[in-house]
Amino acid sequence: MTAAEKWLKFAEDDLRSAEVLLQEDIFNMVCFHCQQAVEST
């Protein structure tokens, strides 16, 4: 796995986390994980 692929995997994981947290109405952490995903790409 290349370094770029690793960073994209991190971004995908952050987006997935945000989706789960959104279902639980934990909005501050949704924002955090969305921001992290953007920084990873």
C-alpha atoms as a PDB file:
ATOM      1  CA  MET A   1       0.000   0.000   0.000  1.00  0.00           C
ATOM      2  CA  THR A   2       1.428   3.360  -1.000  1.00  0.00           C
ATOM      3  CA  ALA A   3       1.543   6.367   1.302  1.00  0.00           C
ATOM      4  CA  ALA A   4      -1.214   8.025  -0.726  1.00  0.00           C
ATOM      5  CA  GLU A   5      -3.429   4.954  -0.385  1.00  0.00           C
ATOM      6  CA  LYS A   6      -2.884   4.968   3.378  1.00  0.00           C
ATOM      7  CA  TRP A   7      -3.956   8.627   3.624  1.00  0.00           C
ATOM      8  CA  LEU A   8      -7.049   7.946   1.528  1.00  0.00           C
ATOM      9  CA  LYS A   9      -7.911   5.046   3.832  1.00  0.00           C
ATOM     10  CA  PHE A  10      -7.623   7.392   6.823  1.00  0.00           C
ATOM     11  CA  ALA A  11      -9.974   9.830   5.075  1.00  0.00           C
ATOM     12  CA  GLU A  12     -12.472   7.059   4.322  1.00  0.00           C
ATOM     13  CA  ASP A  13     -12.378   5.936   7.951  1.00  0.00           C
ATOM     14  CA  ASP A  14     -12.999   9.490   9.154  1.00  0.00           C
ATOM     15  CA  LEU A  15     -15.988   9.865   6.821  1.00  0.00           C
ATOM     16  CA  ARG A  16     -17.384   6.536   7.971  1.00  0.00           C
ATOM     17  CA  SER A  17     -16.972   7.625  11.588  1.00  0.00           C
ATOM     18  CA  ALA A  18     -18.780  10.880  10.832  1.00  0.00           C
ATOM     19  CA  GLU A  19     -21.695   8.976   9.302  1.00  0.00           C
ATOM     20  CA  VAL A  20     -22.052   6.776  12.386  1.00  0.00           C
ATOM     21  CA  LEU A  21     -21.794   9.723  14.760  1.00  0.00           C
ATOM     22  CA  LEU A  22     -24.348  11.684  12.740  1.00  0.00           C
ATOM     23  CA  GLN A  23     -26.904   8.935  13.341  1.00  0.00           C
ATOM     24  CA  GLU A  24     -26.318   9.391  17.080  1.00  0.00           C
ATOM     25  CA  ASP A  25     -26.593  13.222  16.915  1.00  0.00           C
ATOM     26  CA  ILE A  26     -23.026  13.725  18.147  1.00  0.00           C
ATOM     27  CA  PHE A  27     -22.499  16.764  15.952  1.00  0.00           C
ATOM     28  CA  ASN A  28     -19.251  18.138  17.342  1.00  0.00           C
ATOM     29  CA  MET A  29     -17.488  14.864  16.565  1.00  0.00           C
ATOM     30  CA  VAL A  30     -19.134  14.710  13.131  1.00  0.00           C
ATOM     31  CA  CYS A  31     -17.558  18.072  12.364  1.00  0.00           C
ATOM     32  CA  PHE A  32     -14.211  16.926  13.706  1.00  0.00           C
ATOM     33  CA  HIS A  33     -14.105  13.772  11.587  1.00  0.00           C
ATOM     34  CA  CYS A  34     -15.237  15.640   8.461  1.00  0.00           C
ATOM     35  CA  GLN A  35     -12.446  18.160   9.001  1.00  0.00           C
ATOM     36  CA  GLN A  36      -9.937  15.352   9.492  1.00  0.00           C
ATOM     37  CA  ALA A  37     -11.087  13.665   6.285  1.00  0.00           C
ATOM     38  CA  VAL A  38     -10.564  16.862   4.317  1.00  0.00           C
ATOM     39  CA  GLU A  39      -7.072  17.298   5.748  1.00  0.00           C
ATOM     40  CA  SER A  40      -6.158  13.727   4.771  1.00  0.00           C
ATOM     41  CA  THR A  41      -6.945  14.243   1.093  1.00  0.00           C
END
